[in-house]
Structures are given as C-alpha cells and as structure tokens.
Protein backbone atom coordinates (compact mmCIF):
# COMPACT_ATOMS: atom_id res chain seq x y z
CA MET A 1 105.90 23.11 -47.18
CA ALA A 2 109.53 23.04 -48.18
CA THR A 3 111.36 25.74 -50.09
CA TRP A 4 111.88 24.47 -53.62
CA ASP A 5 114.97 25.06 -55.74
CA SER A 6 114.09 25.19 -59.44
CA SER A 7 117.70 24.65 -60.55
CA GLN A 8 117.99 21.49 -58.41
CA TYR A 9 114.62 20.27 -59.68
CA LEU A 10 115.62 20.80 -63.31
CA LYS A 11 118.91 18.90 -63.04
CA PHE A 12 116.78 15.99 -64.22
CA ALA A 13 114.49 18.02 -66.47
CA ASN A 14 113.97 15.30 -69.09
CA GLU A 15 113.09 12.62 -66.53
CA ARG A 16 110.76 14.94 -64.62
CA THR A 17 109.02 16.21 -67.77
CA GLN A 18 108.49 12.86 -69.55
CA PRO A 19 105.49 11.80 -67.41
CA SER A 20 103.68 15.02 -68.32
CA VAL A 21 104.37 14.28 -72.00
CA ASP A 22 102.94 10.79 -71.57
CA LEU A 23 99.87 12.06 -69.72
CA VAL A 24 99.13 14.87 -72.18
CA ALA A 25 99.32 12.39 -75.07
CA ARG A 26 96.50 10.32 -73.54
CA ILE A 27 94.04 13.16 -72.91
CA ALA A 28 91.17 12.90 -75.41
CA LEU A 29 90.25 16.58 -75.65
CA GLU A 30 90.28 18.25 -79.05
CA ALA A 31 90.74 21.92 -78.19
CA PRO A 32 90.36 22.91 -74.52
CA ALA A 33 90.09 26.68 -74.33
CA ARG A 34 91.14 27.11 -70.69
CA ILE A 35 93.78 24.95 -68.99
CA ILE A 36 95.23 25.16 -65.50
CA ASP A 37 98.42 23.38 -64.48
CA LEU A 38 98.28 22.71 -60.73
CA GLY A 39 101.70 22.50 -59.09
CA CYS A 40 103.27 23.81 -62.27
CA GLY A 41 106.75 24.19 -60.76
CA PRO A 42 109.14 26.00 -63.14
CA GLY A 43 106.71 25.63 -66.05
CA ASN A 44 108.16 22.57 -67.75
CA SER A 45 104.82 20.73 -67.69
CA THR A 46 102.94 23.89 -68.73
CA ALA A 47 105.16 24.05 -71.81
CA VAL A 48 104.12 20.49 -72.68
CA LEU A 49 100.46 21.55 -72.50
CA ALA A 50 101.18 24.53 -74.75
CA ARG A 51 102.78 22.32 -77.39
CA ARG A 52 99.68 20.12 -77.51
CA TRP A 53 97.14 22.97 -77.40
CA PRO A 54 98.90 26.16 -78.58
CA ARG A 55 95.69 28.22 -78.69
CA ALA A 56 94.60 27.47 -75.14
CA ALA A 57 94.68 30.10 -72.39
CA LEU A 58 97.18 28.63 -69.93
CA THR A 59 97.41 29.24 -66.18
CA GLY A 60 100.11 27.79 -63.94
CA LEU A 61 99.52 27.57 -60.20
CA ASP A 62 102.16 26.79 -57.57
CA SER A 63 102.79 27.57 -53.90
CA SER A 64 106.53 28.14 -54.40
CA PRO A 65 107.65 31.70 -55.23
CA ALA A 66 111.02 30.35 -56.43
CA MET A 67 109.40 27.93 -58.87
CA LEU A 68 107.02 30.60 -60.16
CA ALA A 69 109.87 33.07 -60.61
CA ALA A 70 111.61 30.55 -62.89
CA ALA A 71 108.35 29.91 -64.77
CA LYS A 72 107.67 33.62 -65.29
CA LYS A 73 111.22 34.19 -66.49
CA ASP A 74 111.09 31.41 -69.09
CA PHE A 75 107.42 31.72 -70.09
CA PRO A 76 106.19 35.28 -69.54
CA GLN A 77 103.34 34.80 -72.03
CA TRP A 78 101.23 32.68 -69.67
CA THR A 79 99.36 33.45 -66.44
CA TRP A 80 101.02 32.41 -63.17
CA ARG A 81 99.36 32.26 -59.75
CA GLU A 82 100.93 31.71 -56.34
CA HIS A 83 98.49 29.51 -54.44
CA GLY A 84 98.18 26.15 -52.73
CA ILE A 85 96.24 23.51 -54.65
CA ALA A 86 93.85 22.57 -51.84
CA GLU A 87 93.09 26.21 -51.06
CA TRP A 88 92.48 26.96 -54.72
CA ALA A 89 90.10 24.01 -55.06
CA GLU A 90 88.20 24.99 -51.90
CA LYS A 91 87.36 28.42 -53.36
CA ASN A 92 85.14 26.82 -56.02
CA PRO A 93 87.04 28.37 -58.93
CA ALA A 94 85.60 29.16 -62.33
CA PRO A 95 85.73 25.95 -64.39
CA PHE A 96 88.57 25.00 -66.71
CA ASP A 97 88.30 22.69 -69.70
CA LEU A 98 91.38 20.83 -68.43
CA VAL A 99 92.50 20.68 -64.81
CA PHE A 100 95.97 19.17 -65.04
CA SER A 101 98.60 18.23 -62.46
CA ASN A 102 102.01 16.67 -63.00
CA ALA A 103 103.76 15.29 -59.89
CA ALA A 104 102.21 17.67 -57.37
CA LEU A 105 99.09 16.18 -55.77
CA HIS A 106 101.10 13.80 -53.59
CA TRP A 107 102.05 16.87 -51.52
CA VAL A 108 98.36 17.68 -50.92
CA PRO A 109 96.68 15.96 -47.94
CA ASP A 110 93.13 14.62 -47.69
CA HIS A 111 92.55 13.38 -51.23
CA ALA A 112 89.04 12.24 -50.28
CA THR A 113 88.11 15.92 -49.96
CA VAL A 114 90.43 17.48 -52.53
CA MET A 115 89.77 15.20 -55.51
CA PRO A 116 86.02 15.90 -55.72
CA ARG A 117 86.77 19.62 -55.47
CA LEU A 118 89.30 19.41 -58.28
CA PHE A 119 86.81 17.54 -60.45
CA ALA A 120 84.15 20.17 -59.66
CA ALA A 121 86.49 22.72 -61.29
CA VAL A 122 86.22 20.87 -64.62
CA ALA A 123 83.90 22.39 -67.21
CA PRO A 124 81.31 20.19 -68.97
CA GLY A 125 83.05 18.08 -71.60
CA GLY A 126 86.42 18.67 -69.96
CA ALA A 127 88.77 16.52 -67.90
CA LEU A 128 90.81 16.23 -64.73
CA ALA A 129 94.19 14.65 -65.52
CA PHE A 130 96.99 14.00 -63.07
CA GLN A 131 99.98 11.81 -62.29
CA MET A 132 101.80 11.20 -59.03
CA PRO A 133 104.73 9.10 -57.86
CA HIS A 134 103.52 5.76 -56.53
CA SER A 135 106.79 4.42 -55.16
CA LEU A 136 106.47 4.76 -51.39
CA ARG A 137 107.54 1.12 -50.88
CA ASP A 138 110.66 1.39 -53.02
CA PRO A 139 113.99 1.67 -51.18
CA HIS A 140 114.74 5.18 -52.41
CA GLN A 141 111.52 6.45 -50.78
CA ARG A 142 111.05 4.03 -47.90
CA LEU A 143 114.56 4.43 -46.52
CA MET A 144 114.44 8.20 -46.18
CA ARG A 145 111.36 7.85 -43.95
CA GLU A 146 112.83 4.94 -42.00
CA LEU A 147 116.07 6.85 -41.49
CA ALA A 148 114.22 9.92 -40.19
CA ALA A 149 112.23 7.75 -37.76
CA SER A 150 115.30 5.85 -36.51
CA ALA A 151 116.69 6.19 -32.99
CA ALA A 152 119.74 7.95 -34.41
CA TRP A 153 117.73 10.66 -36.14
CA ARG A 154 114.18 11.18 -34.87
CA ALA A 155 115.15 13.47 -31.97
CA ARG A 156 117.28 15.65 -34.26
CA PHE A 157 114.36 16.91 -36.36
CA THR A 158 112.89 20.24 -35.29
CA ARG A 159 109.53 19.18 -36.71
CA ALA A 160 108.00 16.21 -38.49
CA PRO A 161 108.92 16.25 -42.21
CA VAL A 162 106.07 16.50 -44.70
CA THR A 163 105.82 13.27 -46.68
CA TRP A 164 103.93 12.11 -49.74
CA GLN A 165 100.18 11.42 -49.64
CA VAL A 166 99.31 8.76 -52.22
CA GLU A 167 96.42 6.30 -52.20
CA PRO A 168 95.88 3.03 -54.12
CA ALA A 169 94.46 3.27 -57.64
CA GLU A 170 91.13 1.90 -56.40
CA PHE A 171 90.74 4.90 -54.13
CA TYR A 172 90.87 7.36 -57.02
CA TYR A 173 88.51 5.26 -59.11
CA ASN A 174 85.94 5.12 -56.32
CA VAL A 175 86.20 8.87 -55.69
CA LEU A 176 85.99 9.91 -59.34
CA ALA A 177 83.86 7.27 -61.10
CA PRO A 178 80.51 8.32 -59.52
CA ARG A 179 81.13 11.88 -60.72
CA ALA A 180 82.68 11.24 -64.13
CA ALA A 181 81.49 10.06 -67.51
CA HIS A 182 84.64 7.98 -67.89
CA VAL A 183 87.75 7.31 -65.81
CA GLU A 184 91.11 5.97 -67.01
CA LEU A 185 93.80 4.78 -64.60
CA TRP A 186 97.20 3.25 -65.28
CA PHE A 187 100.70 2.80 -63.90
CA THR A 188 103.97 3.41 -65.69
CA ASP A 189 107.28 2.13 -64.36
CA TYR A 190 110.10 4.43 -65.44
CA VAL A 191 113.65 3.13 -65.05
CA PHE A 192 116.27 5.82 -64.61
CA VAL A 193 119.86 5.07 -65.59
CA PHE A 194 122.22 6.90 -63.24
CA ASP A 195 126.00 6.96 -62.87
CA GLY A 196 125.71 5.82 -59.25
CA PRO A 197 123.50 5.95 -56.15
CA GLU A 198 124.75 9.49 -55.52
CA LYS A 199 122.51 10.52 -58.42
CA ILE A 200 119.48 9.08 -56.60
CA VAL A 201 120.30 11.45 -53.76
CA GLU A 202 120.57 14.34 -56.23
CA TRP A 203 117.24 13.34 -57.81
CA HIS A 204 115.45 13.41 -54.46
CA ARG A 205 117.13 16.64 -53.37
CA GLY A 206 114.96 18.22 -56.06
CA ALA A 207 111.66 17.02 -54.59
CA ALA A 208 111.30 14.40 -51.83
CA LEU A 209 114.26 15.30 -49.61
CA PRO A 210 113.79 19.08 -49.03
CA PRO A 211 111.12 18.64 -46.32
CA PHE A 212 113.49 16.32 -44.42
CA LEU A 213 116.50 18.58 -44.83
CA GLU A 214 114.66 21.75 -43.84
CA ALA A 215 113.41 20.09 -40.66
CA LEU A 216 117.00 19.58 -39.47
CA PRO A 217 118.69 22.26 -37.35
CA ASP A 218 121.78 23.09 -39.44
CA ASP A 219 123.85 22.36 -42.53
CA ALA A 220 126.08 19.88 -40.70
CA ALA A 221 123.07 17.76 -39.75
CA ARG A 222 121.75 17.96 -43.31
CA ALA A 223 125.05 16.79 -44.77
CA GLU A 224 125.17 13.91 -42.28
CA PHE A 225 121.59 12.89 -43.08
CA LEU A 226 122.43 12.80 -46.79
CA ARG A 227 125.49 10.63 -46.10
CA ASP A 228 123.41 8.21 -44.03
CA TYR A 229 120.69 8.14 -46.70
CA LEU A 230 123.26 7.38 -49.40
CA ALA A 231 124.73 4.57 -47.29
CA ALA A 232 121.25 3.12 -46.72
CA ILE A 233 120.17 3.05 -50.37
CA THR A 234 123.47 1.97 -51.96
CA PRO A 235 123.09 -1.81 -51.34
CA HIS A 236 119.67 -1.73 -53.06
CA TYR A 237 121.02 -0.33 -56.34
CA PRO A 238 123.95 -2.50 -57.44
CA PRO A 239 125.99 -1.49 -60.50
CA GLN A 240 125.18 -3.03 -63.85
CA ALA A 241 127.75 -4.48 -66.24
CA ASP A 242 128.70 -1.01 -67.43
CA GLY A 243 128.87 0.44 -63.92
CA LYS A 244 125.57 2.33 -64.16
CA ILE A 245 122.77 1.81 -61.63
CA LEU A 246 119.04 1.54 -62.32
CA GLN A 247 116.36 3.28 -60.26
CA PRO A 248 112.82 2.07 -61.03
CA PHE A 249 110.22 4.76 -60.38
CA ARG A 250 106.50 3.97 -60.56
CA ARG A 251 103.89 6.63 -61.29
CA LEU A 252 100.08 6.54 -61.14
CA PHE A 253 98.15 8.27 -63.95
CA ALA A 254 94.47 9.22 -64.00
CA ILE A 255 92.10 10.99 -66.39
CA ALA A 256 88.48 11.65 -65.42
CA TYR A 257 86.13 13.15 -68.05
CA ARG A 258 83.08 15.23 -67.19
C-alpha cells in the first residue's frame, strides 16, 4: 500500500468530504451508539459522522500512520486504530451499530469475501454504509493505468502498482441482499470545476497516483510520469467558456441494514 500524505489529500478537502456528507444524510439510523469509520484517513469523514450523531462512540480505522497522525492531532477525543480493513474484518470484531466507509474500500481486494465480513460486524438493527469511486473507465483513471502499461513505461516500474478494486452495483446487491433486511444502492456524478488539467493531476496525487509514483525508481521518473499523464489527459478536458475545466467523477453508494 502506498504512503499517504494527509496534506496532499486535504488540498481538496471539500470535494473529498462531500460524498461522506451525502452518504451520512441517507442513513436511516436514529441514534447508533457505536460507529466505526473504516479507512478514516485524516478524520474528515469521522467528523461528519460526529456532527450527525454527537453522542456516538466513534472509532476511526486506517492503515496509514500519517493519516492517523493527522486525525489524532485534529480530533483527539475519538478512538483511532492503525489496521487494514480486510484484516480487521477477518478478526470477527465486536459489532458496531454503523460500519461506515468513505472512499476506502476500492483499495481492498476480494470484495466477495470482505463484504460479507463487514456486514457480519453490523449489530442487529444497524447498517453497513459505504461509497467508492466508480470511474475506472473515465480518462483521468483509465489513462494512468494505460500509461503505466505502455511500452514506454512498463519496464520502468519496480513493481506492479496497486489499483482500484470496484465491482458493478449488481455485485454488491447480490452479495448483501441475502444477508440484509434492506439494501439501497445509487450513483452520484460529481462534477469538479478546476482551473486546468494540472488540478486533475493534483487531485489524483492525493489518492490514485501514489501507488504508481512509489513504484517508480526515483524522483526524476516520477516527475516524467506526471508530465506524461498530464499530456495524456489534457485533450479529454477542454476549457469551458471561462477557461475552467470540468472533471466528472462518479461514485457508488450503498447502505445495507441488518
């Protein structure tokens, strides 16, 4: 797993936090007593949960020491655990009234195994709620993978970069519906307004690009890869009348109630 930079991630704090706001607003739980935020990052999504349910006991879990350090600094009042999501789920943890994840599960492989385990960690009457990017076919995502696999670049990687693991909506319905009382699924297309395609590169340097960059041998190769990535995506994001560019970004949302 890549080393995450909380300051880079939070350069787009509003855009990264809004999906958690939208997901929390749809969760039909009155007063969950125990909530865990899986892949909590620097705690921005955990803060959203606290605003909705201020009396809940909140736990944030993340595999990144840097992200957790930022979370502990800003929100020392909550519990923070350094752990991988799949490993946590495999340990059959004590149940939570809400098992929540904002933009993290796409880094976890084998959803056919992990999703049932996550739902098993939900207490009776509780819910599993998550959202993930669902934009693998969009140029901003597709082109970084195509570039890494190209003849010019594939031999320069010291290892294969870790990429997103996201299934169709039907997959999550078929995994969760037999176990749940009720399942809700939906997509939201966010449209980011950026000053130029360089901002798309900055956006992905906070999340999708680190595994590619860390698999390259040195800073010179990383800088060159970023230049090639920018050149590849630029034709797909033409300027609007005011000079801004638009980056559509689709996300998949799911809530499964026990």
